[in-house]
Protein backbone atom coordinates (compact mmCIF):
# COMPACT_ATOMS: atom_id res chain seq x y z
CA MET A 1 41.85 -3.18 -30.09
CA SER A 2 43.85 -5.88 -31.85
CA LEU A 3 47.37 -5.33 -33.19
CA PHE A 4 46.08 -5.64 -36.75
CA ALA A 5 43.42 -2.98 -36.14
CA PHE A 6 45.95 -0.68 -34.41
CA LEU A 7 48.43 -0.91 -37.30
CA GLY A 8 45.59 -0.24 -39.76
CA THR A 9 44.65 2.83 -37.71
CA LEU A 10 48.23 4.11 -37.80
CA GLU A 11 48.42 3.51 -41.55
CA ILE A 12 45.31 5.59 -42.28
CA GLY A 13 46.39 8.16 -39.69
CA PHE A 14 49.71 8.82 -41.43
CA ILE A 15 48.02 9.00 -44.85
CA PHE A 16 45.50 11.55 -43.61
CA GLY A 17 48.35 13.40 -41.93
CA LEU A 18 49.29 14.52 -45.44
CA VAL A 19 45.68 15.63 -45.95
CA ALA A 20 45.84 17.59 -42.68
CA ILE A 21 49.01 19.39 -43.81
CA GLY A 22 47.30 20.30 -47.08
CA VAL A 23 44.23 21.58 -45.24
CA TYR A 24 46.47 23.59 -42.91
CA ILE A 25 48.10 25.36 -45.87
CA THR A 26 44.77 26.58 -47.24
CA PHE A 27 42.82 27.24 -44.04
CA ARG A 28 45.60 28.61 -41.84
CA ILE A 29 48.39 29.82 -44.11
CA LEU A 30 46.32 31.31 -46.95
CA ASP A 31 43.03 31.87 -45.06
CA PHE A 32 41.30 30.20 -48.03
CA PRO A 33 38.54 27.72 -47.07
CA ASP A 34 39.03 25.06 -49.74
CA LEU A 35 36.61 22.15 -50.12
CA THR A 36 38.34 20.90 -53.29
CA VAL A 37 40.12 18.26 -51.20
CA ASP A 38 37.02 16.05 -51.14
CA GLY A 39 37.44 15.69 -54.90
CA SER A 40 41.22 15.93 -55.27
CA PHE A 41 41.76 13.07 -52.79
CA THR A 42 39.69 10.82 -55.04
CA LEU A 43 41.27 12.27 -58.19
CA GLY A 44 44.76 11.35 -56.99
CA ALA A 45 43.57 7.82 -56.25
CA ALA A 46 41.60 7.48 -59.50
CA VAL A 47 44.40 8.67 -61.80
CA THR A 48 46.98 6.53 -60.01
CA ALA A 49 44.81 3.40 -60.06
CA THR A 50 43.86 3.83 -63.71
CA LEU A 51 47.47 4.25 -64.81
CA ILE A 52 48.69 1.30 -62.74
CA VAL A 53 46.01 -0.98 -64.21
CA GLY A 54 47.06 0.32 -67.63
CA GLY A 55 50.63 -0.87 -67.02
CA VAL A 56 52.32 2.37 -65.98
CA ASN A 57 55.06 2.28 -63.35
CA PRO A 58 53.44 2.82 -59.90
CA TYR A 59 55.82 5.66 -59.02
CA LEU A 60 55.07 7.51 -62.24
CA ALA A 61 51.37 6.82 -61.72
CA THR A 62 51.57 8.27 -58.20
CA LEU A 63 53.33 11.35 -59.54
CA ALA A 64 50.63 11.76 -62.19
CA GLY A 65 47.90 11.45 -59.54
CA THR A 66 49.63 14.07 -57.40
CA ILE A 67 50.00 16.50 -60.32
CA SER A 68 46.37 16.02 -61.39
CA ALA A 69 45.21 16.92 -57.86
CA ALA A 70 47.44 20.00 -57.94
CA CYS A 71 45.73 21.03 -61.18
CA ALA A 72 42.36 20.74 -59.42
CA GLY A 73 43.63 23.23 -56.85
CA LEU A 74 44.73 25.56 -59.62
CA VAL A 75 41.21 25.45 -61.11
CA THR A 76 39.72 26.51 -57.77
CA ALA A 77 42.22 29.36 -57.48
CA TRP A 78 41.53 30.42 -61.08
CA LEU A 79 37.76 30.57 -60.52
CA ASN A 80 38.29 32.66 -57.41
CA LEU A 81 40.97 35.05 -58.69
CA ARG A 82 39.98 35.40 -62.35
CA PHE A 83 36.21 35.65 -61.96
CA ASN A 84 35.94 36.84 -58.33
CA ILE A 85 33.85 33.82 -57.35
CA LEU A 86 33.71 33.40 -53.57
CA HIS A 87 36.50 31.04 -52.52
CA LEU A 88 34.10 28.66 -50.78
CA LEU A 89 31.82 28.52 -53.83
CA SER A 90 34.69 28.11 -56.29
CA SER A 91 35.97 25.11 -54.33
CA ILE A 92 32.48 23.60 -54.19
CA LEU A 93 32.16 23.98 -57.97
CA THR A 94 35.50 22.23 -58.53
CA MET A 95 34.67 19.50 -56.03
CA THR A 96 31.31 18.86 -57.71
CA ALA A 97 32.88 18.69 -61.16
CA LEU A 98 35.56 16.31 -59.90
CA TYR A 99 32.97 13.70 -58.96
CA THR A 100 32.09 13.25 -62.63
CA ILE A 101 35.71 13.59 -63.74
CA ASN A 102 36.76 10.83 -61.35
CA LEU A 103 34.10 8.54 -62.78
CA ARG A 104 35.30 9.34 -66.30
CA VAL A 105 38.92 8.71 -65.35
CA MET A 106 38.20 5.24 -63.94
CA GLY A 107 35.39 4.44 -66.34
CA LYS A 108 33.45 2.84 -63.47
CA PRO A 109 32.61 3.58 -59.82
CA ASN A 110 35.57 1.63 -58.40
CA MET A 111 38.78 -0.05 -59.48
CA ALA A 112 40.66 -2.90 -57.78
CA LEU A 113 44.45 -2.88 -57.33
CA ILE A 114 44.85 -6.05 -55.28
CA MET A 115 46.70 -7.98 -58.02
CA GLU A 116 48.55 -4.95 -59.41
CA PRO A 117 52.08 -3.71 -58.59
CA THR A 118 52.24 -0.70 -56.25
CA VAL A 119 54.86 1.58 -54.74
CA LEU A 120 55.26 -1.06 -52.01
CA THR A 121 56.12 -3.89 -54.42
CA PRO A 122 59.91 -3.23 -54.56
CA PHE A 123 60.12 -3.50 -50.75
CA GLN A 124 58.14 -6.72 -50.33
CA GLY A 125 61.27 -8.83 -50.63
CA LEU A 126 62.81 -7.36 -47.46
CA GLY A 127 61.16 -9.95 -45.25
CA LEU A 128 58.84 -7.54 -43.47
CA SER A 129 55.21 -8.38 -42.83
CA ASN A 130 52.94 -6.57 -45.26
CA MET A 131 51.07 -4.68 -42.52
CA TYR A 132 54.33 -3.43 -40.96
CA LEU A 133 55.66 -2.52 -44.39
CA LYS A 134 52.60 -0.41 -45.21
CA VAL A 135 52.71 1.46 -41.90
CA GLY A 136 56.43 2.12 -42.21
CA PHE A 137 56.18 3.30 -45.81
CA VAL A 138 53.31 5.74 -45.29
CA ALA A 139 54.92 7.01 -42.07
CA ILE A 140 58.12 7.86 -43.95
CA CYS A 141 56.10 9.55 -46.72
CA ALA A 142 54.10 11.61 -44.21
CA LEU A 143 57.15 12.67 -42.19
CA LEU A 144 59.22 13.53 -45.27
CA GLY A 145 56.29 15.45 -46.72
CA GLY A 146 55.87 17.33 -43.45
CA LEU A 147 59.56 18.19 -43.22
CA LEU A 148 59.61 19.46 -46.81
CA VAL A 149 56.52 21.62 -46.25
CA ALA A 150 57.96 23.03 -43.00
CA TRP A 151 61.22 23.87 -44.81
CA PHE A 152 59.33 25.47 -47.72
CA LEU A 153 57.22 27.65 -45.44
CA LYS A 154 60.39 29.01 -43.81
CA THR A 155 61.97 30.01 -47.12
CA GLN A 156 61.58 33.52 -48.51
CA TYR A 157 58.87 32.34 -50.88
CA GLY A 158 57.06 30.52 -48.08
CA LEU A 159 57.24 33.59 -45.83
CA ALA A 160 55.71 35.65 -48.65
CA MET A 161 52.88 33.11 -48.91
CA ARG A 162 52.28 33.33 -45.16
CA ALA A 163 52.24 37.13 -45.44
CA VAL A 164 49.52 36.90 -48.10
CA GLY A 165 47.35 34.85 -45.77
CA ALA A 166 47.96 37.22 -42.86
CA ASN A 167 47.23 40.47 -44.72
CA LYS A 168 46.80 40.58 -48.50
CA ARG A 169 46.83 44.36 -48.77
CA MET A 170 50.00 44.73 -46.73
CA ALA A 171 51.66 41.92 -48.68
CA GLN A 172 50.76 43.57 -51.99
CA ALA A 173 52.04 46.92 -50.71
CA ASN A 174 55.39 45.23 -50.03
CA GLY A 175 55.67 44.02 -53.62
CA ILE A 176 54.42 40.44 -53.14
CA VAL A 177 52.47 39.01 -56.09
CA VAL A 178 49.40 37.91 -54.17
CA ASN A 179 47.66 35.90 -56.90
CA GLU A 180 50.75 33.86 -57.63
CA LYS A 181 51.06 32.82 -53.99
CA VAL A 182 47.41 31.76 -53.88
CA TYR A 183 47.84 29.65 -57.02
CA VAL A 184 50.96 27.97 -55.65
CA GLY A 185 49.42 27.45 -52.20
CA LEU A 186 46.28 25.76 -53.51
CA ALA A 187 48.29 23.64 -55.94
CA LEU A 188 50.62 22.52 -53.13
CA SER A 189 47.74 21.82 -50.77
CA ASN A 190 45.81 19.68 -53.24
CA ALA A 191 49.00 17.95 -54.43
CA LEU A 192 49.54 16.70 -50.86
CA VAL A 193 45.92 15.57 -50.69
CA GLY A 194 46.16 13.86 -54.09
CA PHE A 195 49.38 12.12 -53.01
CA ALA A 196 47.55 10.89 -49.91
CA GLY A 197 44.74 9.58 -52.12
CA ALA A 198 47.26 7.76 -54.33
CA LEU A 199 48.85 6.12 -51.28
CA PHE A 200 45.45 5.21 -49.85
CA ALA A 201 44.41 3.48 -53.08
CA GLN A 202 47.61 1.45 -53.26
CA THR A 203 47.79 0.43 -49.60
CA ASN A 204 44.09 -0.51 -49.45
CA GLY A 205 43.93 -2.11 -52.89
CA PHE A 206 41.18 -0.06 -54.50
CA ALA A 207 40.03 3.34 -55.69
CA ASP A 208 36.39 4.35 -55.34
CA SER A 209 34.49 7.37 -56.63
CA THR A 210 33.07 8.11 -53.15
CA MET A 211 36.24 7.59 -51.11
CA GLY A 212 36.88 11.34 -50.78
CA ILE A 213 33.58 12.22 -49.11
CA GLY A 214 34.27 13.84 -45.73
CA THR A 215 38.00 14.26 -46.37
CA ILE A 216 37.86 17.96 -45.52
CA VAL A 217 36.22 17.22 -42.15
CA VAL A 218 38.88 14.65 -41.25
CA GLY A 219 41.63 17.06 -42.28
CA LEU A 220 40.16 19.89 -40.23
CA ALA A 221 39.70 17.59 -37.24
CA ALA A 222 43.37 16.62 -37.39
CA VAL A 223 44.47 20.26 -37.67
CA ILE A 224 42.28 21.38 -34.76
CA ILE A 225 43.36 18.50 -32.50
CA GLY A 226 47.02 19.15 -33.32
CA GLU A 227 46.69 22.89 -32.65
CA SER A 228 44.91 22.22 -29.36
CA LEU A 229 47.73 20.01 -28.11
CA PHE A 230 50.75 21.87 -29.53
CA ALA A 231 50.58 25.64 -29.32
CA SER A 232 53.72 26.76 -31.15
CA ARG A 233 54.94 29.28 -33.71
CA SER A 234 57.53 26.87 -35.12
CA MET A 235 56.46 25.66 -38.57
CA LEU A 236 58.13 22.31 -37.97
CA VAL A 237 56.14 21.75 -34.77
CA ILE A 238 52.93 22.94 -36.43
CA VAL A 239 53.32 20.62 -39.42
CA LEU A 240 54.21 17.64 -37.24
CA SER A 241 51.24 18.48 -35.00
CA CYS A 242 48.97 18.02 -38.03
CA ILE A 243 50.29 14.47 -38.44
CA THR A 244 49.99 13.84 -34.69
CA GLY A 245 46.43 15.19 -34.73
CA SER A 246 45.54 12.84 -37.57
CA LEU A 247 46.95 9.85 -35.69
CA LEU A 248 45.15 10.78 -32.47
CA TYR A 249 41.90 11.36 -34.36
CA ARG A 250 42.10 7.92 -36.00
CA ILE A 251 42.99 6.22 -32.71
CA ALA A 252 40.08 7.94 -30.96
CA VAL A 253 37.66 6.92 -33.72
CA SER A 254 38.91 3.33 -33.68
CA MET A 255 38.66 3.11 -29.88
CA ALA A 256 35.15 4.56 -29.94
CA LEU A 257 34.02 2.07 -32.58
CA ASN A 258 35.62 -0.85 -30.71
CA ALA A 259 34.26 0.13 -27.29
CA ASP A 260 31.13 -2.01 -27.06
CA PHE A 261 29.81 -0.19 -23.97
CA LEU A 262 29.53 3.06 -25.97
CA GLY A 263 27.21 1.41 -28.47
CA PHE A 264 28.78 3.00 -31.57
CA HIS A 265 28.68 1.32 -34.98
CA ALA A 266 30.59 1.91 -38.21
CA SER A 267 27.63 3.93 -39.47
CA ASP A 268 28.17 6.39 -36.58
CA LEU A 269 31.52 7.60 -37.95
CA ASN A 270 30.22 11.07 -38.87
CA LEU A 271 28.73 11.52 -35.39
CA ILE A 272 32.01 10.52 -33.76
CA THR A 273 33.88 12.94 -36.02
CA ALA A 274 31.54 15.79 -35.08
CA LEU A 275 31.92 15.03 -31.37
CA LEU A 276 35.72 14.88 -31.57
CA VAL A 277 35.95 18.17 -33.50
CA ALA A 278 33.54 19.82 -31.05
CA LEU A 279 35.63 18.63 -28.09
CA ALA A 280 38.83 19.85 -29.75
CA LEU A 281 37.25 23.29 -30.25
CA VAL A 282 35.65 23.55 -26.81
CA PHE A 283 38.52 22.19 -24.70
CA PRO A 284 41.01 25.07 -25.32
CA LYS A 285 38.32 27.65 -24.51
CA LEU A 286 37.36 25.91 -21.28
CA HIS A 287 41.03 25.48 -20.37
CA ASN A 288 41.73 29.21 -20.91
CA GLU A 289 38.66 30.17 -18.86
CA TRP A 290 39.82 27.89 -16.04
CA LYS A 291 43.31 29.42 -16.11
CA ALA A 292 41.83 32.94 -16.04
CA LYS A 293 39.65 32.12 -13.04
CA ARG A 294 42.57 30.52 -11.27
CA ALA A 295 44.72 33.60 -11.90
CA GLN A 296 41.98 35.84 -10.52
CA GLY A 297 41.72 33.62 -7.44
CA ASP A 298 45.47 33.85 -6.86
CA ASN A 299 45.36 37.65 -7.14
CA LEU A 300 42.66 37.81 -4.50
């Protein structure tokens, strides 16, 4: 793998680390399987790109893209809580609607940002190579985002949100407003995903209506890989493990695609993803079984 390819892998890995943190909030903290992220990732990119092309400051455009993705999460929560639609189905409905909304926002299937100012523009006069600048910038964004989420989840409000995911009835019996925590959790999750989409569009120079397809799978893969490697109750370790899992996932995919003897092509990305997720799920089980057998052998 060349240096250029490795830096590109790290760049995408850090961006999808934000997606992994968002997925962790819904799937693990709230116990709410949310597929909205496939649409909110694109929505964050589409809104940001459209505003930048329209002359809006890139930082304000990124904020608008992040807020719009958070609103998508609120719609999913509203469908589930207000009308008792199954959480999986409510997220699918929102995700499906977002495909058309994203096309309406951009006015066309894709939008180029190559000649437009981005959040990186103010730092391009520092003398750093553009590829190093992009990796450094998205790494700082991912780490700061992870630290803020870890801090939030350890506050009283964050603990209440975690209690809702653990046991809704018990949380409600202790005076926690369950619906409010679900709304906030889904908004926060999709805001992180939308922010990742906004960064992806600006670092790669385009926004596309299909760029969010498979985002949920990548996010889950990162979460599962991170959990398999770092078994901890510390929220800081857990959040950082999501970013680490995303980086390792991207490195593994890149190595598989660049290993000629394996015979993989770019079109095999979904197969590689499925294999990596399967290995991440199977490995802990096999490891525990091996430890149990070894313990039994020692007792004998």
